[in-house]
């Protein structure tokens, strides 16, 4: 099992820095009992000059606040102060690359009413690409994304990720690397923890907002498409249409950019090395490291 902390690990909890091994939460909290919490996944990278840079820190903490607002969790925190605290967590733990997890959680209350107050924790650890660096064998899951009329789909809420766990474990239990979830109308939605794009005839396509978590990495991919002159379209599409794609990739802060080998055992027609996804993968890495995009990574 992966160890996220040891006896020397430092985290931030409600304005103070303390040892992770000494931090405590209340076992009667709404977050533990009902999944009533929100979180973010953020990465920091070491740049060429040796400094650490959190990628899109403002966007992530803005989304953390927005997630709280969507599910009525109080957010009395100052994001500039939280970003400063995050850099201190990275420094205190001597990290040279970091995956960062802010979590807003609620106090003890066994009722089903909105929380009257909240706490915030920020921790960080070294973590490689979440889905690895090999092409993925993906399975269409029997689980769907929740109906957007039954939940605030665009909030990054802890309880929603039980759906992700079920889908991911179903796929792995059948010998695949990861799952693909559909929406309530049978259209392709996203992965358990990542958005997706597919390539067809020189352009990229991705599901629109409404039934997905609109990821910050997804937005970055769209930015890169505009910079590189790659046509990108947001549209609804089916699994059958996806299987006719030239290439497919997942994107997310934890996963970064990772290509697919196949869907339900059916491979794609284009080699990953010659795909638009590979170009985006290289351009994304350059962007987070604040490097210029190499000429071979640009679209002719």
Protein backbone atom coordinates (compact mmCIF):
# COMPACT_ATOMS: atom_id res chain seq x y z
CA UNK A 1 0.00 0.00 0.00
CA UNK A 2 1.27 3.48 -0.87
CA UNK A 3 2.44 5.51 2.14
CA UNK A 4 1.23 9.10 1.91
CA UNK A 5 2.96 10.29 5.06
CA UNK A 6 5.41 9.28 7.78
CA UNK A 7 6.32 10.51 11.24
CA UNK A 8 7.98 13.63 9.84
CA UNK A 9 5.27 14.70 7.38
CA UNK A 10 3.80 18.15 7.96
CA UNK A 11 0.30 19.28 6.92
CA UNK A 12 -1.80 22.41 7.32
CA UNK A 13 -4.95 22.24 9.43
CA UNK A 14 -7.13 25.25 10.21
CA UNK A 15 -4.36 27.82 10.17
CA UNK A 16 -1.63 25.75 11.83
CA UNK A 17 1.12 23.44 10.62
CA UNK A 18 1.43 20.13 12.42
CA UNK A 19 2.63 16.56 12.07
CA UNK A 20 0.29 14.47 9.95
CA UNK A 21 0.65 11.62 12.45
CA UNK A 22 -0.65 13.88 15.23
CA UNK A 23 -3.58 15.47 13.36
CA UNK A 24 -7.06 14.41 14.46
CA UNK A 25 -10.62 14.63 13.19
CA UNK A 26 -13.90 14.04 15.00
CA UNK A 27 -15.43 10.62 14.33
CA UNK A 28 -18.90 12.18 14.50
CA UNK A 29 -18.30 14.59 11.61
CA UNK A 30 -20.78 14.90 8.75
CA UNK A 31 -17.95 14.42 6.28
CA UNK A 32 -17.05 10.98 7.60
CA UNK A 33 -20.64 9.78 7.92
CA UNK A 34 -22.22 11.31 4.82
CA UNK A 35 -19.34 12.19 2.48
CA UNK A 36 -20.20 15.86 3.03
CA UNK A 37 -16.86 17.38 2.06
CA UNK A 38 -15.13 18.83 -0.99
CA UNK A 39 -11.55 18.58 -2.15
CA UNK A 40 -9.07 19.45 -4.87
CA UNK A 41 -6.22 17.63 -6.56
CA UNK A 42 -3.36 19.98 -7.45
CA UNK A 43 0.19 19.47 -8.70
CA UNK A 44 3.39 21.40 -8.15
CA UNK A 45 6.39 20.97 -10.41
CA UNK A 46 10.07 21.80 -10.05
CA UNK A 47 11.11 24.28 -12.73
CA UNK A 48 14.47 24.49 -14.48
CA UNK A 49 15.70 27.15 -12.04
CA UNK A 50 15.09 24.79 -9.10
CA UNK A 51 11.99 26.57 -7.81
CA UNK A 52 8.66 24.86 -7.12
CA UNK A 53 5.57 26.10 -8.95
CA UNK A 54 1.98 25.10 -8.23
CA UNK A 55 0.21 24.71 -11.56
CA UNK A 56 -2.92 26.86 -11.77
CA UNK A 57 -3.12 27.33 -8.02
CA UNK A 58 -5.69 30.11 -8.24
CA UNK A 59 -7.98 28.11 -10.52
CA UNK A 60 -7.89 25.12 -8.18
CA UNK A 61 -8.60 27.06 -5.01
CA UNK A 62 -11.32 29.05 -6.78
CA UNK A 63 -12.94 25.75 -7.74
CA UNK A 64 -12.60 24.52 -4.14
CA UNK A 65 -14.56 27.57 -3.00
CA UNK A 66 -17.12 27.11 -5.77
CA UNK A 67 -17.60 23.44 -4.85
CA UNK A 68 -18.34 24.46 -1.27
CA UNK A 69 -20.85 27.04 -2.44
CA UNK A 70 -22.63 24.49 -4.62
CA UNK A 71 -23.19 22.08 -1.73
CA UNK A 72 -23.70 24.74 0.98
CA UNK A 73 -20.50 24.19 2.97
CA UNK A 74 -19.22 27.44 4.55
CA UNK A 75 -15.98 28.73 3.07
CA UNK A 76 -14.52 31.40 5.37
CA UNK A 77 -11.02 30.95 3.97
CA UNK A 78 -8.80 33.35 2.07
CA UNK A 79 -7.46 31.66 -1.05
CA UNK A 80 -4.31 33.77 -1.24
CA UNK A 81 -3.46 32.68 2.29
CA UNK A 82 -4.23 29.05 1.41
CA UNK A 83 -1.92 29.16 -1.60
CA UNK A 84 0.84 30.61 0.59
CA UNK A 85 0.23 27.86 3.15
CA UNK A 86 0.41 25.24 0.40
CA UNK A 87 3.88 26.42 -0.63
CA UNK A 88 4.92 26.16 3.03
CA UNK A 89 3.62 22.58 3.20
CA UNK A 90 5.66 21.69 0.12
CA UNK A 91 8.77 23.32 1.60
CA UNK A 92 8.30 21.79 5.06
CA UNK A 93 8.21 18.31 3.52
CA UNK A 94 11.16 18.87 1.18
CA UNK A 95 9.15 17.86 -1.88
CA UNK A 96 10.68 18.25 -5.34
CA UNK A 97 7.40 17.53 -7.08
CA UNK A 98 4.09 17.31 -5.30
CA UNK A 99 0.51 16.17 -5.51
CA UNK A 100 -1.50 18.45 -3.22
CA UNK A 101 -4.80 17.63 -1.55
CA UNK A 102 -6.84 20.42 0.09
CA UNK A 103 -9.92 19.06 1.86
CA UNK A 104 -12.78 21.09 3.34
CA UNK A 105 -14.69 19.02 5.88
CA UNK A 106 -17.57 19.51 8.29
CA UNK A 107 -17.95 19.26 12.09
CA UNK A 108 -20.00 16.78 14.11
CA UNK A 109 -23.68 16.71 13.17
CA UNK A 110 -25.80 13.62 12.57
CA UNK A 111 -28.60 15.60 10.95
CA UNK A 112 -28.97 16.14 7.21
CA UNK A 113 -28.80 19.91 7.33
CA UNK A 114 -26.17 22.17 5.81
CA UNK A 115 -23.04 22.62 7.88
CA UNK A 116 -22.75 25.73 10.03
CA UNK A 117 -18.95 25.71 9.92
CA UNK A 118 -16.07 23.89 8.27
CA UNK A 119 -12.38 23.05 8.58
CA UNK A 120 -9.64 22.87 5.97
CA UNK A 121 -6.67 20.52 5.67
CA UNK A 122 -3.89 20.74 3.08
CA UNK A 123 -1.45 17.87 2.62
CA UNK A 124 1.03 16.93 -0.10
CA UNK A 125 3.13 13.97 -1.18
CA UNK A 126 5.27 12.74 -4.05
CA UNK A 127 3.06 10.92 -6.56
CA UNK A 128 3.72 9.77 -10.09
CA UNK A 129 1.12 9.87 -12.86
CA UNK A 130 -2.00 8.35 -11.27
CA UNK A 131 -2.82 6.01 -14.18
CA UNK A 132 0.81 5.26 -15.01
CA UNK A 133 2.61 5.98 -18.26
CA UNK A 134 1.43 3.02 -20.35
CA UNK A 135 -1.48 3.10 -22.78
CA UNK A 136 -4.73 2.16 -21.07
CA UNK A 137 -7.06 -0.74 -21.75
CA UNK A 138 -10.44 0.82 -20.91
CA UNK A 139 -13.81 -0.84 -20.27
CA UNK A 140 -17.23 0.75 -20.61
CA UNK A 141 -18.63 0.63 -17.09
CA UNK A 142 -22.07 -0.59 -16.10
CA UNK A 143 -22.16 2.38 -13.72
CA UNK A 144 -23.34 5.77 -14.97
CA UNK A 145 -22.51 9.25 -13.80
CA UNK A 146 -25.27 10.54 -11.47
CA UNK A 147 -28.21 12.45 -12.86
CA UNK A 148 -27.23 16.16 -12.72
CA UNK A 149 -30.71 16.87 -11.34
CA UNK A 150 -29.91 14.69 -8.32
CA UNK A 151 -26.50 16.13 -7.46
CA UNK A 152 -24.25 19.15 -8.03
CA UNK A 153 -22.15 17.38 -10.66
CA UNK A 154 -19.74 20.29 -11.06
CA UNK A 155 -18.75 20.22 -7.39
CA UNK A 156 -15.72 18.13 -6.52
CA UNK A 157 -17.53 16.49 -3.63
CA UNK A 158 -16.11 13.59 -1.68
CA UNK A 159 -19.30 11.53 -1.64
CA UNK A 160 -19.54 11.54 -5.42
CA UNK A 161 -16.33 9.54 -5.66
CA UNK A 162 -17.96 6.36 -4.37
CA UNK A 163 -19.37 6.20 -7.91
CA UNK A 164 -15.80 6.48 -9.23
CA UNK A 165 -14.51 3.74 -6.93
CA UNK A 166 -17.26 1.34 -8.01
CA UNK A 167 -16.62 1.94 -11.71
CA UNK A 168 -12.85 1.74 -11.47
CA UNK A 169 -12.86 -1.44 -9.40
CA UNK A 170 -15.39 -3.06 -11.73
CA UNK A 171 -13.01 -2.48 -14.66
CA UNK A 172 -9.92 -3.67 -12.80
CA UNK A 173 -11.78 -6.72 -11.56
CA UNK A 174 -12.35 -7.69 -15.19
CA UNK A 175 -8.72 -7.23 -16.18
CA UNK A 176 -8.84 -3.67 -17.56
CA UNK A 177 -6.80 -0.67 -16.49
CA UNK A 178 -9.62 1.82 -16.07
CA UNK A 179 -13.32 2.46 -16.62
CA UNK A 180 -15.33 4.75 -18.88
CA UNK A 181 -18.63 6.09 -17.51
CA UNK A 182 -21.63 7.18 -19.54
CA UNK A 183 -24.21 9.79 -18.58
CA UNK A 184 -27.88 9.09 -17.88
CA UNK A 185 -28.70 9.45 -21.59
CA UNK A 186 -26.12 6.90 -22.69
CA UNK A 187 -23.58 9.40 -23.99
CA UNK A 188 -19.90 9.22 -23.09
CA UNK A 189 -19.20 11.28 -19.95
CA UNK A 190 -15.76 10.79 -18.38
CA UNK A 191 -13.49 8.46 -16.46
CA UNK A 192 -13.65 7.82 -12.72
CA UNK A 193 -11.12 10.61 -12.16
CA UNK A 194 -10.39 12.14 -15.55
CA UNK A 195 -11.94 13.82 -18.56
CA UNK A 196 -11.44 12.49 -22.07
CA UNK A 197 -10.75 13.64 -25.63
CA UNK A 198 -10.80 11.66 -28.84
CA UNK A 199 -9.17 12.35 -32.18
CA UNK A 200 -10.96 12.05 -35.51
CA UNK A 201 -9.86 13.42 -38.89
CA UNK A 202 -7.39 15.92 -37.53
CA UNK A 203 -9.54 17.33 -34.72
CA UNK A 204 -10.23 16.63 -31.05
CA UNK A 205 -13.65 16.09 -29.46
CA UNK A 206 -14.70 16.10 -25.81
CA UNK A 207 -18.04 15.81 -23.94
CA UNK A 208 -19.66 19.16 -23.06
CA UNK A 209 -20.32 20.42 -19.56
CA UNK A 210 -23.49 19.35 -17.82
CA UNK A 211 -22.87 15.69 -16.97
CA UNK A 212 -19.15 15.91 -16.16
CA UNK A 213 -16.75 17.57 -13.77
CA UNK A 214 -15.27 20.34 -15.95
CA UNK A 215 -11.64 19.63 -15.14
CA UNK A 216 -8.90 22.22 -14.94
CA UNK A 217 -6.66 19.94 -16.99
CA UNK A 218 -9.50 19.64 -19.53
CA UNK A 219 -9.57 23.43 -19.78
CA UNK A 220 -5.79 23.45 -20.20
CA UNK A 221 -6.03 20.94 -23.06
CA UNK A 222 -8.55 23.19 -24.80
CA UNK A 223 -6.18 26.15 -24.29
CA UNK A 224 -3.35 24.14 -25.82
CA UNK A 225 -5.51 23.19 -28.80
CA UNK A 226 -6.11 26.89 -29.50
CA UNK A 227 -2.39 27.65 -29.13
CA UNK A 228 -1.39 24.77 -31.41
CA UNK A 229 -4.07 25.24 -34.06
CA UNK A 230 -5.82 21.95 -33.29
CA UNK A 231 -9.60 22.08 -33.91
CA UNK A 232 -11.49 21.12 -30.75
CA UNK A 233 -15.24 20.55 -30.44
CA UNK A 234 -17.42 19.91 -27.39
CA UNK A 235 -20.26 17.55 -28.30
CA UNK A 236 -22.27 14.54 -27.13
CA UNK A 237 -21.23 11.20 -28.60
CA UNK A 238 -21.85 7.50 -28.07
CA UNK A 239 -19.55 4.59 -27.25
CA UNK A 240 -19.93 3.34 -30.84
CA UNK A 241 -18.73 6.70 -32.13
CA UNK A 242 -15.84 6.66 -29.69
CA UNK A 243 -14.77 3.24 -30.91
CA UNK A 244 -14.36 4.72 -34.39
CA UNK A 245 -11.90 7.33 -33.12
CA UNK A 246 -8.34 7.51 -34.38
CA UNK A 247 -7.02 7.85 -30.83
CA UNK A 248 -8.28 8.67 -27.32
CA UNK A 249 -6.75 10.02 -24.13
CA UNK A 250 -7.68 10.77 -20.54
CA UNK A 251 -6.60 14.00 -18.86
CA UNK A 252 -6.62 15.12 -15.25
CA UNK A 253 -4.38 16.66 -12.63
CA UNK A 254 -3.51 13.28 -11.12
CA UNK A 255 -3.39 11.39 -14.43
CA UNK A 256 -1.91 14.26 -16.49
CA UNK A 257 -2.24 13.10 -20.14
CA UNK A 258 -2.47 9.36 -20.77
CA UNK A 259 -3.41 7.62 -24.01
CA UNK A 260 -5.71 4.66 -24.52
CA UNK A 261 -4.71 1.38 -26.12
CA UNK A 262 -8.25 0.07 -26.54
CA UNK A 263 -11.89 0.31 -25.49
CA UNK A 264 -13.70 -2.90 -24.57
CA UNK A 265 -10.87 -4.79 -26.24
CA UNK A 266 -11.06 -2.86 -29.52
CA UNK A 267 -7.83 -1.01 -30.42
CA UNK A 268 -7.71 2.37 -32.14
CA UNK A 269 -6.49 2.98 -35.65
CA UNK A 270 -3.68 5.44 -35.06
CA UNK A 271 -0.42 4.89 -33.22
CA UNK A 272 -0.23 6.96 -30.03
CA UNK A 273 3.18 8.30 -31.06
CA UNK A 274 1.64 9.83 -34.18
CA UNK A 275 -1.54 11.11 -32.52
CA UNK A 276 -2.72 14.56 -31.54
CA UNK A 277 -2.92 13.24 -27.99
CA UNK A 278 0.83 12.69 -27.98
CA UNK A 279 1.34 16.27 -29.15
CA UNK A 280 -0.92 17.50 -26.36
CA UNK A 281 0.93 15.29 -23.87
CA UNK A 282 4.25 16.89 -24.78
CA UNK A 283 2.79 20.40 -24.85
CA UNK A 284 1.13 19.90 -21.46
CA UNK A 285 4.40 18.80 -19.87
CA UNK A 286 6.13 21.85 -21.34
CA UNK A 287 3.38 24.12 -20.02
CA UNK A 288 3.49 22.88 -16.43
CA UNK A 289 7.30 23.18 -16.47
CA UNK A 290 7.06 26.65 -18.02
CA UNK A 291 9.14 25.58 -21.02
CA UNK A 292 8.64 26.43 -24.67
CA UNK A 293 6.89 23.81 -26.79
CA UNK A 294 9.38 21.91 -28.93
CA UNK A 295 8.96 22.32 -32.70
CA UNK A 296 8.31 18.59 -33.14
CA UNK A 297 5.39 18.90 -30.73
CA UNK A 298 3.59 21.47 -32.82
CA UNK A 299 0.99 20.77 -35.46
CA UNK A 300 2.23 21.34 -39.00
